[in-house]
Amino acid sequence: MRVAKQLLEDGEQELFMKQHYQPKKFPKSPGGTAYQREVLPPDWILDYWHPLQKAQYLEYSAHRELCKKQFIEMWEEKYGKPLKEDTHH
């Protein structure tokens, strides 16, 4: 076991000594210039679309509204409807 450990340490040392002084980093890889630059917009952004924009994606918009309605029904069934004083800010 000691031999394997020594071989591993020697290999790591050799790798460190022979690595390039300025390693190449691809733009979208960790450490790259474009890493995690793509921002995924949250779902609620679609609520603010203009009706003409929603009309371009009729099936998706209808399915999304159905899912929102089902979620609200599930929420109210589990937690109850909000109280009147909770709706005023």
Protein backbone atom coordinates (compact mmCIF):
# COMPACT_ATOMS: atom_id res chain seq x y z
CA MET A 1 0.00 0.00 0.00
CA ARG A 2 2.88 2.36 0.73
CA VAL A 3 4.28 1.75 -2.76
CA ALA A 4 0.99 2.71 -4.41
CA LYS A 5 0.78 5.86 -2.30
CA GLN A 6 4.33 6.85 -3.22
CA LEU A 7 3.66 6.20 -6.92
CA LEU A 8 0.54 8.39 -6.73
CA GLU A 9 2.43 11.23 -5.04
CA ASP A 10 5.27 10.98 -7.58
CA GLY A 11 2.76 11.07 -10.44
CA GLU A 12 1.01 14.11 -9.01
CA GLN A 13 4.34 15.88 -8.54
CA GLU A 14 5.38 15.09 -12.12
CA LEU A 15 2.02 16.32 -13.44
CA PHE A 16 2.39 19.55 -11.47
CA MET A 17 5.94 20.13 -12.72
CA LYS A 18 5.04 19.49 -16.38
CA GLN A 19 1.80 21.44 -16.54
CA HIS A 20 1.63 24.51 -18.74
CA TYR A 21 2.26 27.80 -16.96
CA GLN A 22 -0.91 29.28 -18.44
CA PRO A 23 -3.44 26.47 -18.91
CA LYS A 24 -6.13 26.88 -21.57
CA LYS A 25 -9.59 27.51 -20.18
CA PHE A 26 -12.52 27.16 -22.53
CA PRO A 27 -14.93 30.11 -22.34
CA LYS A 28 -17.93 28.18 -20.96
CA SER A 29 -15.86 25.95 -18.65
CA PRO A 30 -15.38 26.76 -14.96
CA GLY A 31 -12.87 29.58 -14.76
CA GLY A 32 -13.58 30.64 -18.36
CA THR A 33 -14.64 34.12 -19.39
CA ALA A 34 -18.22 33.12 -20.28
CA TYR A 35 -18.83 30.65 -17.44
CA GLN A 36 -22.42 30.90 -16.10
CA ARG A 37 -23.23 33.97 -18.17
CA GLU A 38 -26.47 32.56 -19.55
CA VAL A 39 -29.24 33.91 -17.38
CA LEU A 40 -32.33 31.72 -17.28
CA PRO A 41 -35.32 34.00 -16.74
CA PRO A 42 -37.77 32.97 -14.00
CA ASP A 43 -41.16 31.60 -14.98
CA TRP A 44 -43.15 34.59 -13.67
CA ILE A 45 -41.71 36.76 -16.46
CA LEU A 46 -44.23 35.14 -18.81
CA ASP A 47 -47.08 36.62 -16.77
CA TYR A 48 -46.03 40.05 -18.02
CA TRP A 49 -46.10 39.16 -21.70
CA HIS A 50 -48.43 41.19 -23.89
CA PRO A 51 -51.49 39.25 -25.15
CA LEU A 52 -50.11 39.45 -28.69
CA GLN A 53 -46.93 37.74 -27.52
CA LYS A 54 -48.98 35.04 -25.80
CA ALA A 55 -51.02 34.60 -28.98
CA GLN A 56 -47.89 33.47 -30.80
CA TYR A 57 -47.71 30.47 -28.43
CA LEU A 58 -51.40 29.60 -27.93
CA GLU A 59 -50.97 25.98 -26.85
CA TYR A 60 -48.16 26.77 -24.44
CA SER A 61 -50.01 29.77 -22.96
CA ALA A 62 -53.21 27.76 -22.49
CA HIS A 63 -51.32 24.87 -20.88
CA ARG A 64 -49.43 27.26 -18.59
CA GLU A 65 -52.64 28.98 -17.47
CA LEU A 66 -54.18 25.56 -16.76
CA CYS A 67 -51.14 24.55 -14.69
CA LYS A 68 -51.29 27.83 -12.75
CA LYS A 69 -55.00 27.29 -12.03
CA GLN A 70 -54.36 23.71 -10.85
CA PHE A 71 -51.50 24.88 -8.64
CA ILE A 72 -53.68 27.56 -7.01
CA GLU A 73 -56.43 24.99 -6.41
CA MET A 74 -53.93 22.58 -4.88
CA TRP A 75 -52.48 25.36 -2.69
CA GLU A 76 -55.92 26.46 -1.44
CA GLU A 77 -56.88 22.85 -0.74
CA LYS A 78 -53.72 22.30 1.29
CA TYR A 79 -53.36 25.67 3.05
CA GLY A 80 -56.76 27.34 2.67
CA LYS A 81 -57.73 30.56 0.96
CA PRO A 82 -55.90 33.72 2.00
CA LEU A 83 -57.62 35.91 4.56
CA LYS A 84 -59.03 39.29 3.54
CA GLU A 85 -56.45 41.22 5.61
CA ASP A 86 -53.62 39.25 3.96
CA THR A 87 -54.59 40.48 0.49
CA HIS A 88 -54.09 44.17 1.34
CA HIS A 89 -50.54 45.51 1.38
